[in-house]
Amino acid sequence: MENLELRNETGVAPVMSVKDWAISIIITMIPLAGLIMLCIWAFGNKEINENKKNWAKALVFIQIATIIIVGIIYAIIIAAFLAVYQTR
C-alpha cells in the first residue's frame, strides 16, 4: 500500500530495488508461469508499480511477436520440405 500512496502524493511511481527486479526477471524465466505472471503484472490491478507494468507490457509484446515470427519461419520450412518430398 505504501507504493500506491507514494505514487498518489508525488505523481511518480517509486523506484524498484535491484532485488525486486532480479526476482521479477527470475520469475519470467519459468516457462508457463512466467508468461502468466507477465500478463498479471501487465494488466493487473493498480497496486503494481507502473515501471513493472510497462516492463511487463513490453515483454508480453516482444514474446507474442517472437512467437508469430517463429511460427511463420516454421511454416515456411515445413512448406519447403513438403514441396521437396512431394516432387519425388
C-alpha atoms as a PDB file:
ATOM      1  CA  MET A   1       0.000   0.000   0.000  1.00  0.00           C
ATOM      2  CA  GLU A   2       2.904   2.360   0.597  1.00  0.00           C
ATOM      3  CA  ASN A   3       3.783   2.360  -3.096  1.00  0.00           C
ATOM      4  CA  LEU A   4       0.247   3.373  -4.072  1.00  0.00           C
ATOM      5  CA  GLU A   5       0.169   6.177  -1.505  1.00  0.00           C
ATOM      6  CA  LEU A   6       3.605   7.427  -2.576  1.00  0.00           C
ATOM      7  CA  ARG A   7       2.576   7.434  -6.233  1.00  0.00           C
ATOM      8  CA  ASN A   8      -0.535   9.489  -5.446  1.00  0.00           C
ATOM      9  CA  GLU A   9       1.441  12.093  -3.490  1.00  0.00           C
ATOM     10  CA  THR A  10       4.303  12.598  -5.942  1.00  0.00           C
ATOM     11  CA  GLY A  11       2.692  11.512  -9.219  1.00  0.00           C
ATOM     12  CA  VAL A  12       5.674   9.242  -9.912  1.00  0.00           C
ATOM     13  CA  ALA A  13       5.939   5.507  -9.292  1.00  0.00           C
ATOM     14  CA  PRO A  14       8.570   4.620  -6.679  1.00  0.00           C
ATOM     15  CA  VAL A  15      11.884   3.164  -7.763  1.00  0.00           C
ATOM     16  CA  MET A  16      12.058  -0.635  -7.682  1.00  0.00           C
ATOM     17  CA  SER A  17      15.067  -2.139  -5.936  1.00  0.00           C
ATOM     18  CA  VAL A  18      17.579  -4.392  -7.657  1.00  0.00           C
ATOM     19  CA  LYS A  19      16.225  -7.295  -5.589  1.00  0.00           C
ATOM     20  CA  ASP A  20      12.687  -6.661  -6.899  1.00  0.00           C
ATOM     21  CA  TRP A  21      13.927  -6.562 -10.498  1.00  0.00           C
ATOM     22  CA  ALA A  22      16.018  -9.727 -10.019  1.00  0.00           C
ATOM     23  CA  ILE A  23      13.034 -11.612  -8.594  1.00  0.00           C
ATOM     24  CA  SER A  24      10.821 -10.379 -11.434  1.00  0.00           C
ATOM     25  CA  ILE A  25      13.319 -11.497 -14.073  1.00  0.00           C
ATOM     26  CA  ILE A  26      13.801 -14.904 -12.443  1.00  0.00           C
ATOM     27  CA  ILE A  27      10.029 -15.434 -12.319  1.00  0.00           C
ATOM     28  CA  THR A  28       9.738 -14.659 -16.047  1.00  0.00           C
ATOM     29  CA  MET A  29      12.265 -17.424 -16.787  1.00  0.00           C
ATOM     30  CA  ILE A  30       9.819 -20.099 -15.576  1.00  0.00           C
ATOM     31  CA  PRO A  31       8.209 -21.382 -18.805  1.00  0.00           C
ATOM     32  CA  LEU A  32       4.430 -21.088 -18.391  1.00  0.00           C
ATOM     33  CA  ALA A  33       4.273 -19.362 -15.021  1.00  0.00           C
ATOM     34  CA  GLY A  34       6.474 -16.561 -16.346  1.00  0.00           C
ATOM     35  CA  LEU A  35       4.043 -15.713 -19.137  1.00  0.00           C
ATOM     36  CA  ILE A  36       1.098 -15.845 -16.738  1.00  0.00           C
ATOM     37  CA  MET A  37       2.887 -13.551 -14.269  1.00  0.00           C
ATOM     38  CA  LEU A  38       3.776 -11.122 -17.062  1.00  0.00           C
ATOM     39  CA  CYS A  39       0.097 -10.900 -18.007  1.00  0.00           C
ATOM     40  CA  ILE A  40      -0.863 -10.346 -14.365  1.00  0.00           C
ATOM     41  CA  TRP A  41       1.762  -7.633 -13.970  1.00  0.00           C
ATOM     42  CA  ALA A  42       0.936  -6.003 -17.307  1.00  0.00           C
ATOM     43  CA  PHE A  43      -2.841  -5.980 -16.999  1.00  0.00           C
ATOM     44  CA  GLY A  44      -3.340  -6.449 -13.263  1.00  0.00           C
ATOM     45  CA  ASN A  45      -4.558  -4.126 -10.548  1.00  0.00           C
ATOM     46  CA  LYS A  46      -3.350  -0.604  -9.886  1.00  0.00           C
ATOM     47  CA  GLU A  47      -1.208  -1.556  -6.884  1.00  0.00           C
ATOM     48  CA  ILE A  48       1.517  -2.891  -9.188  1.00  0.00           C
ATOM     49  CA  ASN A  49       4.410  -0.493  -9.748  1.00  0.00           C
ATOM     50  CA  GLU A  50       3.991   1.443 -13.035  1.00  0.00           C
ATOM     51  CA  ASN A  51       7.584   0.678 -14.020  1.00  0.00           C
ATOM     52  CA  LYS A  52       6.944  -3.055 -13.649  1.00  0.00           C
ATOM     53  CA  LYS A  53       3.627  -2.768 -15.539  1.00  0.00           C
ATOM     54  CA  ASN A  54       5.277  -1.064 -18.525  1.00  0.00           C
ATOM     55  CA  TRP A  55       8.169  -3.536 -18.489  1.00  0.00           C
ATOM     56  CA  ALA A  56       5.728  -6.457 -18.410  1.00  0.00           C
ATOM     57  CA  LYS A  57       3.657  -4.989 -21.274  1.00  0.00           C
ATOM     58  CA  ALA A  58       6.800  -4.631 -23.381  1.00  0.00           C
ATOM     59  CA  LEU A  59       7.879  -8.217 -22.650  1.00  0.00           C
ATOM     60  CA  VAL A  60       4.418  -9.596 -23.471  1.00  0.00           C
ATOM     61  CA  PHE A  61       4.501  -7.715 -26.786  1.00  0.00           C
ATOM     62  CA  ILE A  62       8.006  -8.991 -27.582  1.00  0.00           C
ATOM     63  CA  GLN A  63       7.083 -12.585 -26.695  1.00  0.00           C
ATOM     64  CA  ILE A  64       3.938 -12.518 -28.841  1.00  0.00           C
ATOM     65  CA  ALA A  65       5.872 -11.016 -31.766  1.00  0.00           C
ATOM     66  CA  THR A  66       8.583 -13.670 -31.362  1.00  0.00           C
ATOM     67  CA  ILE A  67       6.026 -16.489 -31.320  1.00  0.00           C
ATOM     68  CA  ILE A  68       4.426 -15.150 -34.515  1.00  0.00           C
ATOM     69  CA  ILE A  69       7.774 -14.747 -36.302  1.00  0.00           C
ATOM     70  CA  VAL A  70       8.968 -18.219 -35.272  1.00  0.00           C
ATOM     71  CA  GLY A  71       5.626 -19.687 -36.375  1.00  0.00           C
ATOM     72  CA  ILE A  72       5.988 -18.090 -39.802  1.00  0.00           C
ATOM     73  CA  ILE A  73       9.558 -19.370 -40.148  1.00  0.00           C
ATOM     74  CA  TYR A  74       8.496 -22.901 -39.155  1.00  0.00           C
ATOM     75  CA  ALA A  75       5.607 -22.771 -41.644  1.00  0.00           C
ATOM     76  CA  ILE A  76       7.990 -21.753 -44.436  1.00  0.00           C
ATOM     77  CA  ILE A  77      10.444 -24.532 -43.559  1.00  0.00           C
ATOM     78  CA  ILE A  78       7.687 -27.153 -43.395  1.00  0.00           C
ATOM     79  CA  ALA A  79       6.242 -25.948 -46.712  1.00  0.00           C
ATOM     80  CA  ALA A  80       9.689 -26.172 -48.317  1.00  0.00           C
ATOM     81  CA  PHE A  81      10.210 -29.737 -47.055  1.00  0.00           C
ATOM     82  CA  LEU A  82       6.762 -30.778 -48.230  1.00  0.00           C
ATOM     83  CA  ALA A  83       7.403 -29.274 -51.664  1.00  0.00           C
ATOM     84  CA  VAL A  84      10.683 -31.186 -51.980  1.00  0.00           C
ATOM     85  CA  TYR A  85       9.234 -34.521 -50.850  1.00  0.00           C
ATOM     86  CA  GLN A  86       6.094 -34.241 -52.992  1.00  0.00           C
ATOM     87  CA  THR A  87       8.144 -33.940 -56.175  1.00  0.00           C
ATOM     88  CA  ARG A  88       9.899 -37.272 -55.551  1.00  0.00           C
END
